[in-house]
Amino acid sequence: MYQCSKYNNRLNVTSNKIRELRIKNQLSLSELSTKLALVGIDISKPSLHKLEKGTRIVKDFELYGFAYVFKVSVEELLGDFISEFKKDNIS
């Protein structure tokens, strides 16, 4: 079976930001799942929970779906990771 790489012991780098935006927008996991489904992204409530815990990978099209639903850029969703990456890799 394929073993996925982890970054800081998580399967995705956007979990905290997605959870933060969901709470800021006062959405339950079910409501977010419904909003994503309306734009053609099928992620169940249990899968969203795993995603927010960092135990599920975020697919590229799902990442764009989150950005679309939350009305933010993909770069904003990746912002914490990008800042950390630059800090660790720029000499």
PDB file of N, CA and C in Angstrom:
ATOM      1  N   MET A   1       0.839  -1.185   0.000  1.00  0.00           N
ATOM      2  CA  MET A   1       0.000   0.000   0.000  1.00  0.00           C
ATOM      3  C   MET A   1       0.883   1.246   0.000  1.00  0.00           C
ATOM      4  N   TYR A   2       0.456   2.267  -0.704  1.00  0.00           N
ATOM      5  CA  TYR A   2       1.210   3.518  -0.818  1.00  0.00           C
ATOM      6  C   TYR A   2       1.210   4.264   0.507  1.00  0.00           C
ATOM      7  N   GLN A   3       2.376   4.698   0.933  1.00  0.00           N
ATOM      8  CA  GLN A   3       2.521   5.470   2.162  1.00  0.00           C
ATOM      9  C   GLN A   3       2.627   6.953   1.797  1.00  0.00           C
ATOM     10  N   CYS A   4       1.719   7.772   2.262  1.00  0.00           N
ATOM     11  CA  CYS A   4       1.741   9.202   1.966  1.00  0.00           C
ATOM     12  C   CYS A   4       2.728   9.916   2.883  1.00  0.00           C
ATOM     13  N   SER A   5       3.374  10.919   2.348  1.00  0.00           N
ATOM     14  CA  SER A   5       4.267  11.747   3.145  1.00  0.00           C
ATOM     15  C   SER A   5       3.445  12.671   4.030  1.00  0.00           C
ATOM     16  N   LYS A   6       4.028  13.019   5.142  1.00  0.00           N
ATOM     17  CA  LYS A   6       3.384  13.960   6.048  1.00  0.00           C
ATOM     18  C   LYS A   6       4.272  15.175   6.212  1.00  0.00           C
ATOM     19  N   TYR A   7       3.666  16.301   6.480  1.00  0.00           N
ATOM     20  CA  TYR A   7       4.383  17.530   6.777  1.00  0.00           C
ATOM     21  C   TYR A   7       3.959  17.937   8.182  1.00  0.00           C
ATOM     22  N   ASN A   8       4.916  18.008   9.078  1.00  0.00           N
ATOM     23  CA  ASN A   8       4.613  18.282  10.490  1.00  0.00           C
ATOM     24  C   ASN A   8       3.559  17.323  11.038  1.00  0.00           C
ATOM     25  N   ASN A   9       3.695  16.064  10.641  1.00  0.00           N
ATOM     26  CA  ASN A   9       2.822  14.976  11.109  1.00  0.00           C
ATOM     27  C   ASN A   9       1.366  15.140  10.668  1.00  0.00           C
ATOM     28  N   ARG A  10       1.132  15.855   9.577  1.00  0.00           N
ATOM     29  CA  ARG A  10      -0.217  16.045   9.036  1.00  0.00           C
ATOM     30  C   ARG A  10      -0.214  15.689   7.553  1.00  0.00           C
ATOM     31  N   LEU A  11      -1.371  15.271   7.052  1.00  0.00           N
ATOM     32  CA  LEU A  11      -1.494  14.920   5.637  1.00  0.00           C
ATOM     33  C   LEU A  11      -1.851  16.114   4.755  1.00  0.00           C
ATOM     34  N   ASN A  12      -2.113  17.257   5.363  1.00  0.00           N
ATOM     35  CA  ASN A  12      -2.346  18.470   4.576  1.00  0.00           C
ATOM     36  C   ASN A  12      -1.874  19.680   5.374  1.00  0.00           C
ATOM     37  N   VAL A  13      -1.619  20.771   4.680  1.00  0.00           N
ATOM     38  CA  VAL A  13      -1.104  21.977   5.338  1.00  0.00           C
ATOM     39  C   VAL A  13      -2.171  23.054   5.506  1.00  0.00           C
ATOM     40  N   THR A  14      -3.396  22.753   5.125  1.00  0.00           N
ATOM     41  CA  THR A  14      -4.465  23.757   5.171  1.00  0.00           C
ATOM     42  C   THR A  14      -5.523  23.480   6.229  1.00  0.00           C
ATOM     43  N   SER A  15      -5.368  22.415   6.980  1.00  0.00           N
ATOM     44  CA  SER A  15      -6.418  21.999   7.915  1.00  0.00           C
ATOM     45  C   SER A  15      -6.804  23.088   8.910  1.00  0.00           C
ATOM     46  N   ASN A  16      -5.824  23.740   9.518  1.00  0.00           N
ATOM     47  CA  ASN A  16      -6.135  24.769  10.513  1.00  0.00           C
ATOM     48  C   ASN A  16      -6.855  25.962   9.893  1.00  0.00           C
ATOM     49  N   LYS A  17      -6.410  26.376   8.711  1.00  0.00           N
ATOM     50  CA  LYS A  17      -7.018  27.535   8.043  1.00  0.00           C
ATOM     51  C   LYS A  17      -8.450  27.213   7.609  1.00  0.00           C
ATOM     52  N   ILE A  18      -8.677  26.009   7.093  1.00  0.00           N
ATOM     53  CA  ILE A  18     -10.030  25.622   6.682  1.00  0.00           C
ATOM     54  C   ILE A  18     -10.966  25.612   7.887  1.00  0.00           C
ATOM     55  N   ARG A  19     -10.511  25.050   8.993  1.00  0.00           N
ATOM     56  CA  ARG A  19     -11.332  25.034  10.209  1.00  0.00           C
ATOM     57  C   ARG A  19     -11.604  26.467  10.687  1.00  0.00           C
ATOM     58  N   GLU A  20     -10.562  27.285  10.692  1.00  0.00           N
ATOM     59  CA  GLU A  20     -10.706  28.682  11.103  1.00  0.00           C
ATOM     60  C   GLU A  20     -11.747  29.416  10.248  1.00  0.00           C
ATOM     61  N   LEU A  21     -11.676  29.245   8.939  1.00  0.00           N
ATOM     62  CA  LEU A  21     -12.619  29.910   8.040  1.00  0.00           C
ATOM     63  C   LEU A  21     -14.033  29.348   8.186  1.00  0.00           C
ATOM     64  N   ARG A  22     -14.143  28.047   8.414  1.00  0.00           N
ATOM     65  CA  ARG A  22     -15.477  27.446   8.612  1.00  0.00           C
ATOM     66  C   ARG A  22     -16.139  28.046   9.850  1.00  0.00           C
ATOM     67  N   ILE A  23     -15.372  28.153  10.927  1.00  0.00           N
ATOM     68  CA  ILE A  23     -15.909  28.711  12.174  1.00  0.00           C
ATOM     69  C   ILE A  23     -16.209  30.201  12.007  1.00  0.00           C
ATOM     70  N   LYS A  24     -15.295  30.928  11.368  1.00  0.00           N
ATOM     71  CA  LYS A  24     -15.504  32.367  11.123  1.00  0.00           C
ATOM     72  C   LYS A  24     -16.784  32.613  10.330  1.00  0.00           C
ATOM     73  N   ASN A  25     -17.074  31.721   9.380  1.00  0.00           N
ATOM     74  CA  ASN A  25     -18.276  31.843   8.559  1.00  0.00           C
ATOM     75  C   ASN A  25     -19.491  31.171   9.193  1.00  0.00           C
ATOM     76  N   GLN A  26     -19.342  30.730  10.412  1.00  0.00           N
ATOM     77  CA  GLN A  26     -20.426  30.116  11.195  1.00  0.00           C
ATOM     78  C   GLN A  26     -21.085  28.954  10.455  1.00  0.00           C
ATOM     79  N   LEU A  27     -20.240  28.072   9.923  1.00  0.00           N
ATOM     80  CA  LEU A  27     -20.735  26.899   9.203  1.00  0.00           C
ATOM     81  C   LEU A  27     -20.438  25.638   9.991  1.00  0.00           C
ATOM     82  N   SER A  28     -21.405  24.754  10.048  1.00  0.00           N
ATOM     83  CA  SER A  28     -21.149  23.423  10.601  1.00  0.00           C
ATOM     84  C   SER A  28     -20.451  22.599   9.530  1.00  0.00           C
ATOM     85  N   LEU A  29     -19.943  21.444   9.898  1.00  0.00           N
ATOM     86  CA  LEU A  29     -19.342  20.552   8.911  1.00  0.00           C
ATOM     87  C   LEU A  29     -20.372  20.170   7.846  1.00  0.00           C
ATOM     88  N   SER A  30     -21.600  19.915   8.261  1.00  0.00           N
ATOM     89  CA  SER A  30     -22.665  19.556   7.309  1.00  0.00           C
ATOM     90  C   SER A  30     -22.964  20.697   6.347  1.00  0.00           C
ATOM     91  N   GLU A  31     -23.009  21.910   6.864  1.00  0.00           N
ATOM     92  CA  GLU A  31     -23.289  23.073   6.009  1.00  0.00           C
ATOM     93  C   GLU A  31     -22.159  23.301   5.002  1.00  0.00           C
ATOM     94  N   LEU A  32     -20.915  23.128   5.456  1.00  0.00           N
ATOM     95  CA  LEU A  32     -19.789  23.279   4.538  1.00  0.00           C
ATOM     96  C   LEU A  32     -19.824  22.190   3.476  1.00  0.00           C
ATOM     97  N   SER A  33     -20.140  20.980   3.871  1.00  0.00           N
ATOM     98  CA  SER A  33     -20.261  19.872   2.926  1.00  0.00           C
ATOM     99  C   SER A  33     -21.308  20.192   1.860  1.00  0.00           C
ATOM    100  N   THR A  34     -22.423  20.752   2.269  1.00  0.00           N
ATOM    101  CA  THR A  34     -23.493  21.124   1.344  1.00  0.00           C
ATOM    102  C   THR A  34     -23.041  22.225   0.387  1.00  0.00           C
ATOM    103  N   LYS A  35     -22.381  23.267   0.924  1.00  0.00           N
ATOM    104  CA  LYS A  35     -21.898  24.362   0.067  1.00  0.00           C
ATOM    105  C   LYS A  35     -20.907  23.846  -0.969  1.00  0.00           C
ATOM    106  N   LEU A  36     -20.027  22.944  -0.565  1.00  0.00           N
ATOM    107  CA  LEU A  36     -19.068  22.362  -1.504  1.00  0.00           C
ATOM    108  C   LEU A  36     -19.790  21.523  -2.557  1.00  0.00           C
ATOM    109  N   ALA A  37     -20.802  20.766  -2.135  1.00  0.00           N
ATOM    110  CA  ALA A  37     -21.557  19.927  -3.073  1.00  0.00           C
ATOM    111  C   ALA A  37     -22.244  20.784  -4.139  1.00  0.00           C
ATOM    112  N   LEU A  38     -22.693  21.962  -3.751  1.00  0.00           N
ATOM    113  CA  LEU A  38     -23.370  22.853  -4.700  1.00  0.00           C
ATOM    114  C   LEU A  38     -22.445  23.344  -5.812  1.00  0.00           C
ATOM    115  N   VAL A  39     -21.135  23.292  -5.573  1.00  0.00           N
ATOM    116  CA  VAL A  39     -20.179  23.678  -6.621  1.00  0.00           C
ATOM    117  C   VAL A  39     -19.465  22.451  -7.198  1.00  0.00           C
ATOM    118  N   GLY A  40     -20.000  21.271  -6.892  1.00  0.00           N
ATOM    119  CA  GLY A  40     -19.482  20.050  -7.507  1.00  0.00           C
ATOM    120  C   GLY A  40     -18.356  19.355  -6.778  1.00  0.00           C
ATOM    121  N   ILE A  41     -18.107  19.739  -5.528  1.00  0.00           N
ATOM    122  CA  ILE A  41     -17.057  19.106  -4.726  1.00  0.00           C
ATOM    123  C   ILE A  41     -17.735  18.256  -3.656  1.00  0.00           C
ATOM    124  N   ASP A  42     -17.581  16.947  -3.755  1.00  0.00           N
ATOM    125  CA  ASP A  42     -18.259  16.022  -2.844  1.00  0.00           C
ATOM    126  C   ASP A  42     -17.317  15.593  -1.720  1.00  0.00           C
ATOM    127  N   ILE A  43     -17.477  16.227  -0.548  1.00  0.00           N
ATOM    128  CA  ILE A  43     -16.720  15.853   0.647  1.00  0.00           C
ATOM    129  C   ILE A  43     -17.729  15.681   1.775  1.00  0.00           C
ATOM    130  N   SER A  44     -17.800  14.488   2.310  1.00  0.00           N
ATOM    131  CA  SER A  44     -18.757  14.197   3.378  1.00  0.00           C
ATOM    132  C   SER A  44     -18.341  14.870   4.687  1.00  0.00           C
ATOM    133  N   LYS A  45     -19.284  14.943   5.611  1.00  0.00           N
ATOM    134  CA  LYS A  45     -19.019  15.515   6.925  1.00  0.00           C
ATOM    135  C   LYS A  45     -17.871  14.765   7.629  1.00  0.00           C
ATOM    136  N   PRO A  46     -17.874  13.422   7.650  1.00  0.00           N
ATOM    137  CA  PRO A  46     -16.747  12.719   8.293  1.00  0.00           C
ATOM    138  C   PRO A  46     -15.407  13.001   7.599  1.00  0.00           C
ATOM    139  N   SER A  47     -15.422  13.129   6.273  1.00  0.00           N
ATOM    140  CA  SER A  47     -14.181  13.437   5.555  1.00  0.00           C
ATOM    141  C   SER A  47     -13.699  14.855   5.866  1.00  0.00           C
ATOM    142  N   LEU A  48     -14.626  15.796   6.017  1.00  0.00           N
ATOM    143  CA  LEU A  48     -14.248  17.156   6.404  1.00  0.00           C
ATOM    144  C   LEU A  48     -13.626  17.170   7.798  1.00  0.00           C
ATOM    145  N   HIS A  49     -14.187  16.374   8.681  1.00  0.00           N
ATOM    146  CA  HIS A  49     -13.639  16.279  10.038  1.00  0.00           C
ATOM    147  C   HIS A  49     -12.196  15.759   9.989  1.00  0.00           C
ATOM    148  N   LYS A  50     -11.963  14.719   9.211  1.00  0.00           N
ATOM    149  CA  LYS A  50     -10.604  14.168   9.061  1.00  0.00           C
ATOM    150  C   LYS A  50      -9.674  15.199   8.433  1.00  0.00           C
ATOM    151  N   LEU A  51     -10.176  15.906   7.453  1.00  0.00           N
ATOM    152  CA  LEU A  51      -9.384  16.932   6.781  1.00  0.00           C
ATOM    153  C   LEU A  51      -8.943  18.011   7.776  1.00  0.00           C
ATOM    154  N   GLU A  52      -9.881  18.466   8.614  1.00  0.00           N
ATOM    155  CA  GLU A  52      -9.571  19.486   9.604  1.00  0.00           C
ATOM    156  C   GLU A  52      -8.614  18.979  10.679  1.00  0.00           C
ATOM    157  N   LYS A  53      -8.596  17.693  10.920  1.00  0.00           N
ATOM    158  CA  LYS A  53      -7.680  17.096  11.897  1.00  0.00           C
ATOM    159  C   LYS A  53      -6.314  16.808  11.282  1.00  0.00           C
ATOM    160  N   GLY A  54      -6.201  16.960   9.963  1.00  0.00           N
ATOM    161  CA  GLY A  54      -4.937  16.709   9.288  1.00  0.00           C
ATOM    162  C   GLY A  54      -4.690  15.245   8.977  1.00  0.00           C
ATOM    163  N   THR A  55      -5.743  14.436   9.042  1.00  0.00           N
ATOM    164  CA  THR A  55      -5.595  12.998   8.788  1.00  0.00           C
ATOM    165  C   THR A  55      -6.146  12.598   7.422  1.00  0.00           C
ATOM    166  N   ARG A  56      -6.432  13.577   6.589  1.00  0.00           N
ATOM    167  CA  ARG A  56      -6.913  13.336   5.228  1.00  0.00           C
ATOM    168  C   ARG A  56      -6.238  14.322   4.286  1.00  0.00           C
ATOM    169  N   ILE A  57      -5.864  13.838   3.124  1.00  0.00           N
ATOM    170  CA  ILE A  57      -5.246  14.681   2.098  1.00  0.00           C
ATOM    171  C   ILE A  57      -6.306  15.592   1.480  1.00  0.00           C
ATOM    172  N   VAL A  58      -5.894  16.811   1.114  1.00  0.00           N
ATOM    173  CA  VAL A  58      -6.752  17.727   0.364  1.00  0.00           C
ATOM    174  C   VAL A  58      -6.325  17.654  -1.101  1.00  0.00           C
ATOM    175  N   LYS A  59      -7.250  17.289  -1.965  1.00  0.00           N
ATOM    176  CA  LYS A  59      -6.960  17.229  -3.401  1.00  0.00           C
ATOM    177  C   LYS A  59      -6.924  18.650  -3.960  1.00  0.00           C
ATOM    178  N   ASP A  60      -6.204  18.828  -5.062  1.00  0.00           N
ATOM    179  CA  ASP A  60      -6.046  20.168  -5.618  1.00  0.00           C
ATOM    180  C   ASP A  60      -7.381  20.818  -5.975  1.00  0.00           C
ATOM    181  N   PHE A  61      -8.300  20.063  -6.562  1.00  0.00           N
ATOM    182  CA  PHE A  61      -9.602  20.647  -6.922  1.00  0.00           C
ATOM    183  C   PHE A  61     -10.430  20.969  -5.681  1.00  0.00           C
ATOM    184  N   GLU A  62     -10.229  20.206  -4.607  1.00  0.00           N
ATOM    185  CA  GLU A  62     -10.924  20.497  -3.350  1.00  0.00           C
ATOM    186  C   GLU A  62     -10.395  21.797  -2.750  1.00  0.00           C
ATOM    187  N   LEU A  63      -9.072  21.999  -2.829  1.00  0.00           N
ATOM    188  CA  LEU A  63      -8.466  23.218  -2.315  1.00  0.00           C
ATOM    189  C   LEU A  63      -9.078  24.441  -2.998  1.00  0.00           C
ATOM    190  N   TYR A  64      -9.218  24.364  -4.318  1.00  0.00           N
ATOM    191  CA  TYR A  64      -9.843  25.478  -5.038  1.00  0.00           C
ATOM    192  C   TYR A  64     -11.309  25.636  -4.628  1.00  0.00           C
ATOM    193  N   GLY A  65     -12.000  24.526  -4.396  1.00  0.00           N
ATOM    194  CA  GLY A  65     -13.390  24.583  -3.946  1.00  0.00           C
ATOM    195  C   GLY A  65     -13.524  25.296  -2.609  1.00  0.00           C
ATOM    196  N   PHE A  66     -12.612  25.008  -1.687  1.00  0.00           N
ATOM    197  CA  PHE A  66     -12.631  25.705  -0.397  1.00  0.00           C
ATOM    198  C   PHE A  66     -12.405  27.199  -0.605  1.00  0.00           C
ATOM    199  N   ALA A  67     -11.431  27.551  -1.422  1.00  0.00           N
ATOM    200  CA  ALA A  67     -11.155  28.969  -1.688  1.00  0.00           C
ATOM    201  C   ALA A  67     -12.393  29.648  -2.271  1.00  0.00           C
ATOM    202  N   TYR A  68     -13.055  28.977  -3.198  1.00  0.00           N
ATOM    203  CA  TYR A  68     -14.254  29.529  -3.833  1.00  0.00           C
ATOM    204  C   TYR A  68     -15.380  29.730  -2.812  1.00  0.00           C
ATOM    205  N   VAL A  69     -15.648  28.716  -2.021  1.00  0.00           N
ATOM    206  CA  VAL A  69     -16.735  28.780  -1.033  1.00  0.00           C
ATOM    207  C   VAL A  69     -16.462  29.856   0.022  1.00  0.00           C
ATOM    208  N   PHE A  70     -15.205  29.941   0.480  1.00  0.00           N
ATOM    209  CA  PHE A  70     -14.862  30.919   1.510  1.00  0.00           C
ATOM    210  C   PHE A  70     -14.538  32.303   0.945  1.00  0.00           C
ATOM    211  N   LYS A  71     -14.507  32.417  -0.396  1.00  0.00           N
ATOM    212  CA  LYS A  71     -14.204  33.694  -1.056  1.00  0.00           C
ATOM    213  C   LYS A  71     -12.837  34.238  -0.637  1.00  0.00           C
ATOM    214  N   VAL A  72     -11.847  33.340  -0.674  1.00  0.00           N
ATOM    215  CA  VAL A  72     -10.457  33.703  -0.395  1.00  0.00           C
ATOM    216  C   VAL A  72      -9.598  33.123  -1.517  1.00  0.00           C
ATOM    217  N   SER A  73      -8.351  33.526  -1.564  1.00  0.00           N
ATOM    218  CA  SER A  73      -7.438  32.962  -2.559  1.00  0.00           C
ATOM    219  C   SER A  73      -6.856  31.640  -2.051  1.00  0.00           C
ATOM    220  N   VAL A  74      -6.399  30.833  -2.983  1.00  0.00           N
ATOM    221  CA  VAL A  74      -5.704  29.602  -2.615  1.00  0.00           C
ATOM    222  C   VAL A  74      -4.469  29.968  -1.791  1.00  0.00           C
ATOM    223  N   GLU A  75      -3.822  31.067  -2.144  1.00  0.00           N
ATOM    224  CA  GLU A  75      -2.647  31.512  -1.405  1.00  0.00           C
ATOM    225  C   GLU A  75      -2.984  31.805   0.057  1.00  0.00           C
ATOM    226  N   GLU A  76      -4.177  32.328   0.315  1.00  0.00           N
ATOM    227  CA  GLU A  76      -4.572  32.570   1.712  1.00  0.00           C
ATOM    228  C   GLU A  76      -4.724  31.254   2.462  1.00  0.00           C
ATOM    229  N   LEU A  77      -5.290  30.252   1.810  1.00  0.00           N
ATOM    230  CA  LEU A  77      -5.420  28.948   2.455  1.00  0.00           C
ATOM    231  C   LEU A  77      -4.050  28.342   2.765  1.00  0.00           C
ATOM    232  N   LEU A  78      -3.082  28.613   1.910  1.00  0.00           N
ATOM    233  CA  LEU A  78      -1.729  28.079   2.074  1.00  0.00           C
ATOM    234  C   LEU A  78      -0.797  29.033   2.821  1.00  0.00           C
ATOM    235  N   GLY A  79      -1.291  30.181   3.231  1.00  0.00           N
ATOM    236  CA  GLY A  79      -0.465  31.249   3.791  1.00  0.00           C
ATOM    237  C   GLY A  79       0.456  30.840   4.922  1.00  0.00           C
ATOM    238  N   ASP A  80      -0.052  30.126   5.918  1.00  0.00           N
ATOM    239  CA  ASP A  80       0.782  29.720   7.055  1.00  0.00           C
ATOM    240  C   ASP A  80       1.911  28.813   6.589  1.00  0.00           C
ATOM    241  N   PHE A  81       1.601  27.869   5.709  1.00  0.00           N
ATOM    242  CA  PHE A  81       2.610  26.963   5.175  1.00  0.00           C
ATOM    243  C   PHE A  81       3.659  27.728   4.367  1.00  0.00           C
ATOM    244  N   ILE A  82       3.210  28.641   3.505  1.00  0.00           N
ATOM    245  CA  ILE A  82       4.133  29.400   2.667  1.00  0.00           C
ATOM    246  C   ILE A  82       5.095  30.212   3.535  1.00  0.00           C
ATOM    247  N   SER A  83       4.584  30.871   4.545  1.00  0.00           N
ATOM    248  CA  SER A  83       5.432  31.667   5.443  1.00  0.00           C
ATOM    249  C   SER A  83       6.463  30.790   6.148  1.00  0.00           C
ATOM    250  N   GLU A  84       6.010  29.674   6.665  1.00  0.00           N
ATOM    251  CA  GLU A  84       6.901  28.745   7.360  1.00  0.00           C
ATOM    252  C   GLU A  84       7.956  28.180   6.413  1.00  0.00           C
ATOM    253  N   PHE A  85       7.537  27.813   5.226  1.00  0.00           N
ATOM    254  CA  PHE A  85       8.434  27.236   4.217  1.00  0.00           C
ATOM    255  C   PHE A  85       9.528  28.237   3.849  1.00  0.00           C
ATOM    256  N   LYS A  86       9.120  29.474   3.583  1.00  0.00           N
ATOM    257  CA  LYS A  86      10.097  30.516   3.231  1.00  0.00           C
ATOM    258  C   LYS A  86      11.074  30.757   4.367  1.00  0.00           C
ATOM    259  N   LYS A  87      10.555  30.822   5.586  1.00  0.00           N
ATOM    260  CA  LYS A  87      11.398  31.058   6.753  1.00  0.00           C
ATOM    261  C   LYS A  87      12.440  29.951   6.908  1.00  0.00           C
ATOM    262  N   ASP A  88      12.023  28.704   6.673  1.00  0.00           N
ATOM    263  CA  ASP A  88      12.911  27.558   6.854  1.00  0.00           C
ATOM    264  C   ASP A  88      13.877  27.343   5.686  1.00  0.00           C
ATOM    265  N   ASN A  89      13.553  27.887   4.512  1.00  0.00           N
ATOM    266  CA  ASN A  89      14.345  27.561   3.332  1.00  0.00           C
ATOM    267  C   ASN A  89      15.065  28.718   2.676  1.00  0.00           C
ATOM    268  N   ILE A  90      14.906  29.911   3.185  1.00  0.00           N
ATOM    269  CA  ILE A  90      15.616  31.055   2.605  1.00  0.00           C
ATOM    270  C   ILE A  90      16.773  31.387   3.535  1.00  0.00           C
ATOM    271  N   SER A  91      17.951  31.323   2.972  1.00  0.00           N
ATOM    272  CA  SER A  91      19.163  31.557   3.786  1.00  0.00           C
ATOM    273  C   SER A  91      19.498  33.014   3.833  1.00  0.00           C
TER     274      SER A  91
END
